[in-house]
Protein backbone atom coordinates (compact mmCIF):
# COMPACT_ATOMS: atom_id res chain seq x y z
CA MET A 1 -19.08 5.21 -5.63
CA HIS A 2 -19.31 2.10 -8.07
CA LYS A 3 -17.18 1.96 -10.86
CA PRO A 4 -17.13 -0.54 -13.81
CA ALA A 5 -14.50 -3.11 -14.21
CA ASP A 6 -12.51 -1.30 -16.56
CA ARG A 7 -11.58 1.94 -14.73
CA ILE A 8 -10.34 0.04 -11.89
CA ARG A 9 -6.65 -0.82 -11.49
CA ASN A 10 -4.91 -3.15 -8.95
CA VAL A 11 -1.88 -2.45 -7.84
CA ALA A 12 0.34 -3.84 -5.47
CA LEU A 13 3.91 -2.15 -4.18
CA VAL A 14 6.42 -5.08 -3.77
CA GLY A 15 10.22 -5.11 -3.51
CA HIS A 16 12.73 -5.48 -0.56
CA ARG A 17 12.30 -4.31 2.87
CA GLY A 18 13.57 -0.82 3.51
CA SER A 19 12.88 -0.21 -0.11
CA GLY A 20 10.45 2.27 0.00
CA LYS A 21 7.12 0.88 -0.30
CA THR A 22 5.01 1.73 2.78
CA SER A 23 6.21 5.60 1.78
CA LEU A 24 5.50 6.00 -1.79
CA HIS A 25 2.08 4.35 -0.24
CA GLU A 26 1.56 7.08 1.34
CA ALA A 27 3.04 9.61 -1.14
CA LEU A 28 0.23 7.90 -3.24
CA LEU A 29 -2.54 8.76 -0.71
CA PHE A 30 -1.18 11.96 -0.11
CA GLN A 31 -1.14 13.20 -3.84
CA ALA A 32 -5.09 12.57 -4.23
CA GLY A 33 -6.71 13.92 -1.61
CA VAL A 34 -7.00 10.99 0.56
CA ILE A 35 -4.66 12.00 3.34
CA ASN A 36 -4.04 15.53 4.28
CA ARG A 37 -0.12 14.46 5.63
CA LEU A 38 2.14 12.53 5.36
CA GLY A 39 3.52 10.03 7.11
CA SER A 40 6.80 8.24 8.54
CA VAL A 41 7.60 4.98 8.72
CA LEU A 42 10.36 5.98 11.69
CA GLU A 43 7.14 7.65 13.90
CA GLY A 44 4.62 5.07 13.46
CA THR A 45 2.42 7.42 11.19
CA THR A 46 1.48 6.00 8.02
CA VAL A 47 -1.86 4.75 7.07
CA SER A 48 -0.82 1.07 5.93
CA ASP A 49 1.18 0.22 9.14
CA SER A 50 -1.14 0.63 11.90
CA ASP A 51 -0.73 -2.52 13.62
CA GLN A 52 1.51 -2.55 17.12
CA ASP A 53 3.39 -4.54 15.68
CA GLU A 54 4.20 -2.99 12.89
CA LYS A 55 5.21 0.80 14.37
CA ALA A 56 7.47 -1.40 16.45
CA ARG A 57 9.25 -3.10 13.74
CA GLN A 58 9.08 -0.61 11.35
CA MET A 59 8.39 -3.21 8.57
CA SER A 60 5.03 -4.22 7.41
CA ILE A 61 3.58 -7.17 8.20
CA SER A 62 0.03 -7.95 6.58
CA ALA A 63 -0.32 -6.58 3.26
CA ALA A 64 -2.74 -3.29 3.19
CA LEU A 65 -5.27 -1.42 0.65
CA ALA A 66 -5.98 1.86 0.12
CA SER A 67 -7.97 2.78 -2.39
CA PHE A 68 -8.73 6.53 -4.38
CA GLU A 69 -10.15 7.99 -7.42
CA TRP A 70 -7.08 9.85 -10.07
CA GLN A 71 -8.31 10.86 -13.39
CA ASP A 72 -12.08 8.84 -13.62
CA ARG A 73 -10.12 5.53 -12.01
CA LYS A 74 -10.34 3.82 -9.04
CA VAL A 75 -6.97 2.77 -7.77
CA ASN A 76 -6.32 -0.11 -4.96
CA LEU A 77 -3.46 -0.06 -3.95
CA ILE A 78 -1.74 -2.18 -1.86
CA ASP A 79 0.99 -2.19 0.55
CA THR A 80 2.66 -5.59 0.82
CA PRO A 81 5.62 -6.78 2.89
CA GLY A 82 9.57 -6.77 2.08
CA ASP A 83 11.28 -9.27 4.60
CA PRO A 84 10.61 -12.70 3.07
CA SER A 85 8.87 -13.82 6.13
CA PHE A 86 6.08 -12.68 5.35
CA ILE A 87 5.95 -13.53 1.66
CA ALA A 88 2.78 -15.38 1.62
CA ASP A 89 1.03 -11.39 2.13
CA ALA A 90 3.28 -10.49 -0.61
CA LEU A 91 2.70 -13.30 -3.41
CA GLY A 92 -1.76 -13.37 -2.05
CA ALA A 93 -1.50 -9.80 -3.33
CA LEU A 94 -0.69 -9.84 -6.69
CA ARG A 95 -3.07 -13.06 -7.54
CA VAL A 96 -5.00 -10.26 -7.16
CA CYS A 97 -3.25 -7.44 -8.76
CA GLU A 98 -3.12 -6.80 -12.65
CA SER A 99 0.02 -4.13 -12.23
CA ALA A 100 3.28 -4.06 -9.38
CA ILE A 101 5.38 -1.29 -8.67
């Protein structure tokens, strides 16, 4: 559903590798009702780490976007890679977000 710009929040999840960004991403999607069960990085069942390399390495390689509605706002949530080798995706996400966690 279309929302006016003042009702949209773009939020990047940033931090070093293993800091819990993908787990927080899963928890927020679960809490908002977008997914019906929490995925696990260790089990390779998260929404954002869907690539086979990400599952094998148990880490994000590229930024992943998911959206949900919360309190009459659309939240665009970007899970970014934490490994310095993939910093370009994290920096790209920050360019389009007004908030970061």
